[in-house]
Amino acid sequence: MSSSIERDIRTIQSIEAVPHIMKMLSDVTGLRFICVARVTEDNWTMCAVYDQVNFNLIPGDQLDIKTTFCSQVRKSTKAIVIEHAKKDDVYRQSEIPKMYGFESYFSFPIYNQNGDFFGTLCGLDPRPAVLKTDKIESQIKSFAELISRQMEVDDRLAAVETDLISEQAAAKLREQYIAILGHDLRTPLSALKMGVDFLVDHASDATSQKVLARMDNSAKRMTRLISGVMDFTHGQMGKGIQLNVKPASDLKSVLVHTVSELSGLHPDREILADIIIDGTFSCDPERISQLLSNLLINAIVHGDAAQPIKVMANIEEETLTLSVSNGGTPISADVIDKLFHPFWRNEKNKKTGGLGLGLFIASQIAEAHKGSLMVHSDENETVFSFKAAL
């Protein structure tokens, strides 16, 4: 086996979603054998497999390319779908179904980061199955495209990571990194999120729902990380945080929703909110919501889990005051001086796997609103307070 084929197998094996995709496709189609194959002009190589019929093929195994329909998919770039081979007008005379003992079959193309043909997403079963419906074919196609996009993202991130090792290239890569995060990551991430949302409505068993919930949380976390890095980069390049200032009459509901969303994500934490805001104010409500979200996440991660987190917000004399307080170990003066620095994290606290951008971005949002973000910490509580004239 060539080194390039081995690398391609490792690429597919490294995509965590692939096993779940194969299991869900088996559930949707009823086919008990699903696989991802690397297909070249001369070789068919197994990369990943879900096998409930004991065909006994494992990653790395190869088949004679002439004995597969995948060679036709490679040449035509069109999917093949067979519901009942013995009755199929096109394939009933073919020796391939007889050779492998299947009646139902599908093969959809997968492409690499350059848009070149990589291989196929295949499924088969000794029993006939209903496959030629718009719903089922659309689902299989969507999963094949999702694998293609994930390969593209992994390859691009690997390339960026390699380049970033060189300190001399760091400045040059900054704008390239923005482009990758802004387009090449958000596009496949949106496709992944739409796929998850679609499957949530169709997955019936508890195991699939749990897997989809984890995938959905990961997609949301990736979205926050991408947005955080892009906001940071804009700030560092002198553009600052971009605001969409408008007359906002729904600021209270936006902030209440932010608290509710994080309460739902962290049901083990008690969050008490006292938000008294009435009227219309000139601001960017989504950015203020982001500021509150970042402060709440900081309190959830670093505060004492046994004590409630308190959120207070009100407007007096056209000035918004918003605060988030939590109990726990007080923050020392030397640490407070560093809290709003980008990428800074307290090495004594390993509970967070974030980038250390949340408080920095919150401070940038405060500055963009011509306001201030302050912190006070003592034995009783730690309070982050935002004030701005609206």
Protein backbone atom coordinates (compact mmCIF):
# COMPACT_ATOMS: atom_id res chain seq x y z
CA MET A 1 0.00 0.00 0.00
CA SER A 2 1.36 3.42 -0.96
CA SER A 3 2.11 6.07 1.65
CA SER A 4 -0.48 8.39 0.09
CA ILE A 5 -3.22 5.77 0.52
CA GLU A 6 -2.14 5.22 4.13
CA ARG A 7 -2.35 8.97 4.69
CA ASP A 8 -5.84 9.06 3.18
CA ILE A 9 -6.98 6.28 5.51
CA ARG A 10 -5.64 8.22 8.50
CA THR A 11 -7.49 11.34 7.28
CA ILE A 12 -10.86 9.57 7.25
CA GLN A 13 -10.11 7.79 10.54
CA SER A 14 -9.36 11.15 12.19
CA ILE A 15 -12.83 12.57 11.41
CA GLU A 16 -14.81 11.86 14.57
CA ALA A 17 -18.18 12.25 12.84
CA VAL A 18 -17.60 9.42 10.32
CA PRO A 19 -18.57 6.48 12.61
CA HIS A 20 -21.74 8.31 13.64
CA ILE A 21 -22.55 9.14 10.02
CA MET A 22 -22.24 5.47 9.01
CA LYS A 23 -24.40 4.30 11.94
CA MET A 24 -27.12 6.87 11.19
CA LEU A 25 -27.07 6.01 7.48
CA SER A 26 -27.55 2.36 8.38
CA ASP A 27 -30.54 3.31 10.53
CA VAL A 28 -32.04 5.52 7.80
CA THR A 29 -31.57 3.12 4.87
CA GLY A 30 -31.78 -0.25 6.60
CA LEU A 31 -28.50 -1.29 4.95
CA ARG A 32 -26.28 -3.12 7.39
CA PHE A 33 -22.94 -2.47 5.70
CA ILE A 34 -21.75 1.14 5.29
CA CYS A 35 -18.22 2.22 4.42
CA VAL A 36 -15.98 5.02 3.18
CA ALA A 37 -13.55 3.92 0.48
CA ARG A 38 -10.56 5.53 -1.20
CA VAL A 39 -10.95 4.93 -4.92
CA THR A 40 -8.22 5.52 -7.51
CA GLU A 41 -7.91 4.37 -11.08
CA ASP A 42 -6.19 1.17 -9.92
CA ASN A 43 -7.25 0.61 -6.30
CA TRP A 44 -10.26 0.36 -3.98
CA THR A 45 -9.19 0.68 -0.34
CA MET A 46 -11.35 0.55 2.78
CA CYS A 47 -10.95 3.63 5.01
CA ALA A 48 -13.78 3.23 7.54
CA VAL A 49 -16.56 0.66 7.95
CA TYR A 50 -19.78 -0.11 9.83
CA ASP A 51 -20.43 -3.83 9.33
CA GLN A 52 -23.43 -5.70 10.74
CA VAL A 53 -23.41 -8.51 8.15
CA ASN A 54 -19.86 -9.77 8.73
CA PHE A 55 -18.31 -9.08 5.34
CA ASN A 56 -15.04 -9.04 7.31
CA LEU A 57 -13.47 -6.04 5.60
CA ILE A 58 -11.38 -3.70 7.75
CA PRO A 59 -9.63 -0.36 7.10
CA GLY A 60 -6.66 -0.97 4.81
CA ASP A 61 -8.25 -3.94 2.99
CA GLN A 62 -8.34 -3.64 -0.79
CA LEU A 63 -10.60 -4.97 -3.52
CA ASP A 64 -10.01 -5.40 -7.24
CA ILE A 65 -11.27 -2.09 -8.63
CA LYS A 66 -12.80 -3.93 -11.60
CA THR A 67 -15.09 -5.86 -9.27
CA THR A 68 -16.70 -2.72 -7.81
CA PHE A 69 -19.26 -0.20 -9.02
CA CYS A 70 -17.11 2.53 -7.46
CA SER A 71 -14.94 2.63 -10.56
CA GLN A 72 -18.05 3.74 -12.51
CA VAL A 73 -18.82 6.39 -9.91
CA ARG A 74 -15.24 7.64 -10.22
CA LYS A 75 -15.47 7.96 -13.99
CA SER A 76 -18.97 9.44 -14.16
CA THR A 77 -18.98 11.31 -10.78
CA LYS A 78 -22.62 10.20 -10.55
CA ALA A 79 -24.09 8.17 -7.71
CA ILE A 80 -25.32 4.60 -8.19
CA VAL A 81 -28.41 3.39 -6.31
CA ILE A 82 -29.80 -0.17 -6.54
CA GLU A 83 -32.86 -1.28 -4.60
CA HIS A 84 -33.13 -4.91 -5.81
CA ALA A 85 -30.25 -6.11 -8.00
CA LYS A 86 -32.05 -9.19 -9.37
CA LYS A 87 -34.89 -7.01 -10.66
CA ASP A 88 -32.89 -3.93 -11.66
CA ASP A 89 -33.17 -3.14 -15.37
CA VAL A 90 -29.56 -1.93 -15.54
CA TYR A 91 -27.66 -4.13 -13.08
CA ARG A 92 -29.49 -7.48 -12.99
CA GLN A 93 -27.03 -8.96 -15.50
CA SER A 94 -23.98 -7.68 -13.59
CA GLU A 95 -21.75 -10.20 -11.84
CA ILE A 96 -20.80 -7.77 -9.08
CA PRO A 97 -23.94 -8.17 -6.91
CA LYS A 98 -23.67 -11.95 -7.28
CA MET A 99 -19.96 -11.88 -6.38
CA TYR A 100 -20.52 -9.98 -3.13
CA GLY A 101 -24.00 -11.30 -2.40
CA PHE A 102 -25.97 -8.07 -2.17
CA GLU A 103 -29.34 -6.90 -3.47
CA SER A 104 -29.49 -3.29 -2.26
CA TYR A 105 -26.59 -0.88 -2.79
CA PHE A 106 -25.58 2.76 -3.04
CA SER A 107 -22.34 4.56 -3.87
CA PHE A 108 -21.98 8.37 -3.68
CA PRO A 109 -18.83 10.33 -4.60
CA ILE A 110 -16.60 12.08 -2.02
CA TYR A 111 -14.16 14.84 -3.02
CA ASN A 112 -10.96 16.14 -1.43
CA GLN A 113 -9.96 19.71 -0.56
CA ASN A 114 -8.98 20.43 -4.19
CA GLY A 115 -12.34 19.30 -5.51
CA ASP A 116 -10.77 16.13 -6.94
CA PHE A 117 -12.47 12.74 -6.64
CA PHE A 118 -11.37 11.02 -3.41
CA GLY A 119 -13.57 7.98 -3.09
CA THR A 120 -17.07 6.89 -2.20
CA LEU A 121 -19.57 6.58 0.61
CA CYS A 122 -21.06 3.11 0.04
CA GLY A 123 -23.74 0.92 1.52
CA LEU A 124 -25.02 -2.56 0.72
CA ASP A 125 -27.13 -5.40 2.11
CA PRO A 126 -28.10 -8.93 1.04
CA ARG A 127 -31.73 -7.85 1.35
CA PRO A 128 -33.60 -5.48 -1.00
CA ALA A 129 -34.30 -2.00 0.38
CA VAL A 130 -36.22 1.13 -0.59
CA LEU A 131 -33.53 3.67 -1.49
CA LYS A 132 -34.75 5.60 -4.53
CA THR A 133 -36.67 8.31 -2.71
CA ASP A 134 -35.81 12.01 -2.72
CA LYS A 135 -35.54 12.00 1.08
CA ILE A 136 -33.14 9.06 1.37
CA GLU A 137 -30.97 10.03 -1.61
CA SER A 138 -30.77 13.60 -0.29
CA GLN A 139 -29.65 12.33 3.12
CA ILE A 140 -26.93 10.12 1.65
CA LYS A 141 -25.73 12.93 -0.61
CA SER A 142 -25.65 15.37 2.33
CA PHE A 143 -23.52 13.00 4.40
CA ALA A 144 -21.11 12.44 1.50
CA GLU A 145 -20.78 16.23 1.09
CA LEU A 146 -20.29 16.64 4.84
CA ILE A 147 -17.35 14.19 4.79
CA SER A 148 -15.90 16.06 1.80
CA ARG A 149 -16.14 19.40 3.62
CA GLN A 150 -14.67 17.98 6.82
CA MET A 151 -11.67 16.66 4.88
CA GLU A 152 -11.23 20.14 3.40
CA VAL A 153 -11.35 21.81 6.82
CA ASP A 154 -8.91 19.32 8.36
CA ASP A 155 -6.44 19.77 5.51
CA ARG A 156 -6.63 23.56 5.66
CA LEU A 157 -6.22 23.66 9.44
CA ALA A 158 -3.26 21.27 9.24
CA ALA A 159 -1.62 23.55 6.68
CA VAL A 160 -2.23 26.63 8.83
CA GLU A 161 -0.88 24.88 11.93
CA THR A 162 2.31 23.92 10.09
CA ASP A 163 2.83 27.47 8.86
CA LEU A 164 2.23 28.97 12.27
CA ILE A 165 5.18 27.04 13.68
CA SER A 166 7.40 29.55 11.97
CA GLU A 167 7.50 32.79 13.94
CA GLN A 168 8.70 34.68 10.88
CA ALA A 169 5.49 33.77 9.02
CA ALA A 170 3.10 34.71 11.85
CA ALA A 171 2.40 38.28 10.67
CA LYS A 172 1.86 37.21 7.07
CA LEU A 173 -0.52 34.43 8.12
CA ARG A 174 -2.80 36.69 10.15
CA GLU A 175 -4.96 37.81 7.25
CA GLN A 176 -4.90 34.31 5.74
CA TYR A 177 -6.10 32.98 9.06
CA ILE A 178 -8.99 35.46 9.07
CA ALA A 179 -10.02 34.29 5.60
CA ILE A 180 -9.90 30.64 6.61
CA LEU A 181 -11.92 31.22 9.77
CA GLY A 182 -14.38 33.53 8.09
CA HIS A 183 -15.12 31.42 5.04
CA ASP A 184 -13.51 28.03 4.91
CA LEU A 185 -14.55 27.14 8.46
CA ARG A 186 -17.94 28.81 8.71
CA THR A 187 -19.22 27.31 5.46
CA PRO A 188 -18.70 23.63 6.38
CA LEU A 189 -19.65 24.37 9.99
CA SER A 190 -22.98 25.74 8.79
CA ALA A 191 -23.49 22.59 6.72
CA LEU A 192 -22.68 20.45 9.76
CA LYS A 193 -25.10 22.43 11.95
CA MET A 194 -27.88 22.12 9.37
CA GLY A 195 -27.21 18.40 9.09
CA VAL A 196 -27.39 17.98 12.86
CA ASP A 197 -30.63 19.99 13.07
CA PHE A 198 -32.12 17.84 10.31
CA LEU A 199 -31.12 14.60 12.00
CA VAL A 200 -32.43 15.68 15.40
CA ASP A 201 -35.90 15.66 13.85
CA HIS A 202 -35.44 12.16 12.41
CA ALA A 203 -33.34 10.23 14.95
CA SER A 204 -35.62 8.19 17.18
CA ASP A 205 -33.31 6.26 19.50
CA ALA A 206 -31.76 7.72 22.64
CA THR A 207 -28.17 6.91 21.62
CA SER A 208 -28.42 8.90 18.38
CA GLN A 209 -30.03 11.82 20.21
CA LYS A 210 -27.14 11.90 22.71
CA VAL A 211 -24.57 11.80 19.90
CA LEU A 212 -26.38 14.58 18.04
CA ALA A 213 -26.57 16.68 21.21
CA ARG A 214 -22.79 16.39 21.63
CA MET A 215 -22.24 17.27 17.97
CA ASP A 216 -24.56 20.27 18.31
CA ASN A 217 -22.75 21.53 21.42
CA SER A 218 -19.39 21.10 19.65
CA ALA A 219 -20.66 23.05 16.62
CA LYS A 220 -21.86 25.88 18.88
CA ARG A 221 -18.51 25.94 20.72
CA MET A 222 -16.62 26.03 17.41
CA THR A 223 -18.82 28.95 16.29
CA ARG A 224 -17.99 30.87 19.48
CA LEU A 225 -14.26 30.15 19.10
CA ILE A 226 -14.26 31.27 15.47
CA SER A 227 -16.15 34.46 16.29
CA GLY A 228 -13.80 35.15 19.20
CA VAL A 229 -10.64 34.79 17.13
CA MET A 230 -12.07 36.94 14.33
CA ASP A 231 -13.08 39.66 16.78
CA PHE A 232 -9.61 39.53 18.31
CA THR A 233 -7.90 39.76 14.93
CA HIS A 234 -10.02 42.73 13.86
CA GLY A 235 -9.10 44.46 17.13
CA GLN A 236 -5.40 43.77 16.72
CA MET A 237 -5.41 45.07 13.16
CA GLY A 238 -6.75 48.40 14.37
CA LYS A 239 -10.33 47.92 13.18
CA GLY A 240 -11.74 47.35 16.65
CA ILE A 241 -14.94 45.50 17.45
CA GLN A 242 -17.51 46.13 14.71
CA LEU A 243 -20.83 47.47 16.04
CA ASN A 244 -24.27 47.54 14.47
CA VAL A 245 -25.68 50.47 16.45
CA LYS A 246 -29.43 50.94 16.09
CA PRO A 247 -32.45 52.01 18.15
CA ALA A 248 -33.07 48.91 20.26
CA SER A 249 -36.36 48.43 22.06
CA ASP A 250 -35.71 44.75 22.86
CA LEU A 251 -32.50 45.03 24.90
CA LYS A 252 -34.17 43.52 27.96
CA SER A 253 -35.47 40.47 26.07
CA VAL A 254 -32.07 39.96 24.42
CA LEU A 255 -30.29 39.93 27.79
CA VAL A 256 -32.96 37.70 29.39
CA HIS A 257 -32.55 35.24 26.51
CA THR A 258 -28.76 35.22 27.00
CA VAL A 259 -29.16 34.33 30.67
CA SER A 260 -31.77 31.67 29.84
CA GLU A 261 -29.57 30.08 27.17
CA LEU A 262 -26.57 29.72 29.47
CA SER A 263 -28.79 28.48 32.31
CA GLY A 264 -29.99 25.75 29.98
CA LEU A 265 -26.45 24.79 29.00
CA HIS A 266 -25.37 24.72 32.67
CA PRO A 267 -28.39 23.40 34.62
CA ASP A 268 -26.16 22.61 37.61
CA ARG A 269 -25.44 26.33 38.15
CA GLU A 270 -27.89 28.77 39.75
CA ILE A 271 -28.10 32.07 37.87
CA LEU A 272 -30.23 34.84 39.39
CA ALA A 273 -31.17 37.69 37.07
CA ASP A 274 -32.57 41.12 37.90
CA ILE A 275 -32.90 42.97 34.60
CA ILE A 276 -34.88 46.22 34.69
CA ILE A 277 -34.72 47.89 31.28
CA ASP A 278 -37.58 49.73 29.59
CA GLY A 279 -37.52 51.96 26.52
CA THR A 280 -35.55 52.30 23.30
CA PHE A 281 -31.81 52.89 23.36
CA SER A 282 -29.10 53.43 20.75
CA CYS A 283 -26.67 50.48 20.99
CA ASP A 284 -25.70 47.14 19.49
CA PRO A 285 -27.89 44.71 21.50
CA GLU A 286 -26.22 41.60 20.06
CA ARG A 287 -22.78 42.83 21.11
CA ILE A 288 -24.01 43.69 24.60
CA SER A 289 -25.51 40.20 24.73
CA GLN A 290 -22.08 38.83 23.73
CA LEU A 291 -20.45 40.86 26.51
CA LEU A 292 -22.92 39.44 29.06
CA SER A 293 -22.43 35.92 27.72
CA ASN A 294 -18.64 36.19 28.05
CA LEU A 295 -18.93 37.48 31.62
CA LEU A 296 -21.37 34.72 32.53
CA ILE A 297 -19.16 32.01 31.05
CA ASN A 298 -16.24 33.42 33.03
CA ALA A 299 -18.32 33.30 36.24
CA ILE A 300 -19.49 29.74 35.51
CA VAL A 301 -15.94 28.52 34.88
CA HIS A 302 -14.15 30.34 37.70
CA GLY A 303 -16.80 30.96 40.34
CA ASP A 304 -17.74 28.78 43.31
CA ALA A 305 -20.25 26.23 41.97
CA ALA A 306 -22.01 26.13 45.36
CA GLN A 307 -22.91 29.82 45.20
CA PRO A 308 -25.34 31.51 42.80
CA ILE A 309 -24.26 33.81 39.99
CA LYS A 310 -26.06 37.16 40.04
CA VAL A 311 -26.85 39.24 36.96
CA MET A 312 -28.08 42.80 37.38
CA ALA A 313 -28.91 45.32 34.66
CA ASN A 314 -30.68 48.67 34.68
CA ILE A 315 -30.70 52.02 32.93
CA GLU A 316 -30.69 55.27 34.84
CA GLU A 317 -30.23 58.69 33.26
CA GLU A 318 -29.52 57.10 29.85
CA THR A 319 -26.64 55.04 31.34
CA LEU A 320 -26.69 51.26 31.19
CA THR A 321 -25.19 49.44 34.16
CA LEU A 322 -24.72 45.69 33.81
CA SER A 323 -22.95 43.48 36.34
CA VAL A 324 -22.18 39.80 36.86
CA SER A 325 -21.09 38.60 40.30
CA ASN A 326 -20.04 35.26 41.71
CA GLY A 327 -18.61 33.83 44.89
CA GLY A 328 -15.31 32.03 45.23
CA THR A 329 -11.64 32.69 45.76
CA PRO A 330 -10.91 36.43 45.33
CA ILE A 331 -8.79 37.52 42.38
CA SER A 332 -5.45 38.98 43.35
CA ALA A 333 -4.44 42.46 42.21
CA ASP A 334 -1.68 41.19 39.90
CA VAL A 335 -4.13 38.85 38.16
CA ILE A 336 -6.76 41.60 37.78
CA ASP A 337 -4.18 43.63 35.87
CA LYS A 338 -3.96 40.83 33.28
CA LEU A 339 -7.60 39.74 33.03
CA PHE A 340 -8.41 41.76 29.93
CA HIS A 341 -5.26 40.81 28.03
CA PRO A 342 -5.84 38.58 24.98
CA PHE A 343 -4.93 34.90 25.26
CA TRP A 344 -4.19 35.26 28.98
CA ARG A 345 -5.37 32.48 31.29
CA ASN A 346 -4.65 31.89 34.97
CA GLU A 347 -2.32 28.90 35.00
CA LYS A 348 -3.62 27.96 38.45
CA ASN A 349 -7.05 27.30 36.96
CA LYS A 350 -7.13 24.52 34.35
CA LYS A 351 -10.91 24.17 34.17
CA THR A 352 -11.30 25.98 30.88
CA GLY A 353 -10.08 24.84 27.47
CA GLY A 354 -10.89 28.17 25.82
CA LEU A 355 -8.54 30.55 24.06
CA GLY A 356 -8.49 33.18 26.81
CA LEU A 357 -10.29 35.76 24.66
CA GLY A 358 -13.66 36.12 26.41
CA LEU A 359 -12.81 38.94 28.82
CA PHE A 360 -10.63 40.70 26.25
CA ILE A 361 -13.50 40.77 23.75
CA ALA A 362 -15.91 41.91 26.47
CA SER A 363 -13.58 44.82 27.21
CA GLN A 364 -13.39 45.66 23.50
CA ILE A 365 -17.20 45.68 23.25
CA ALA A 366 -17.33 48.02 26.25
CA GLU A 367 -14.74 50.30 24.64
CA ALA A 368 -16.61 50.29 21.30
CA HIS A 369 -19.69 51.53 23.16
CA LYS A 370 -17.53 54.24 24.73
CA GLY A 371 -18.09 52.59 28.09
CA SER A 372 -15.99 50.87 30.73
CA LEU A 373 -15.62 47.37 32.09
CA MET A 374 -14.34 47.13 35.66
CA VAL A 375 -13.74 44.30 38.13
CA HIS A 376 -13.79 44.26 41.91
CA SER A 377 -12.94 41.14 43.90
CA ASP A 378 -12.83 40.43 47.64
CA GLU A 379 -13.63 37.61 50.05
CA ASN A 380 -17.37 38.08 49.55
CA GLU A 381 -17.66 38.15 45.76
CA THR A 382 -16.12 39.00 42.41
CA VAL A 383 -18.05 41.55 40.35
CA PHE A 384 -17.55 42.54 36.71
CA SER A 385 -19.38 45.82 35.93
CA PHE A 386 -20.08 47.39 32.54
CA LYS A 387 -21.25 51.01 32.21
CA ALA A 388 -22.04 52.95 29.06
CA ALA A 389 -24.14 55.95 28.10
CA LEU A 390 -26.75 54.86 25.56
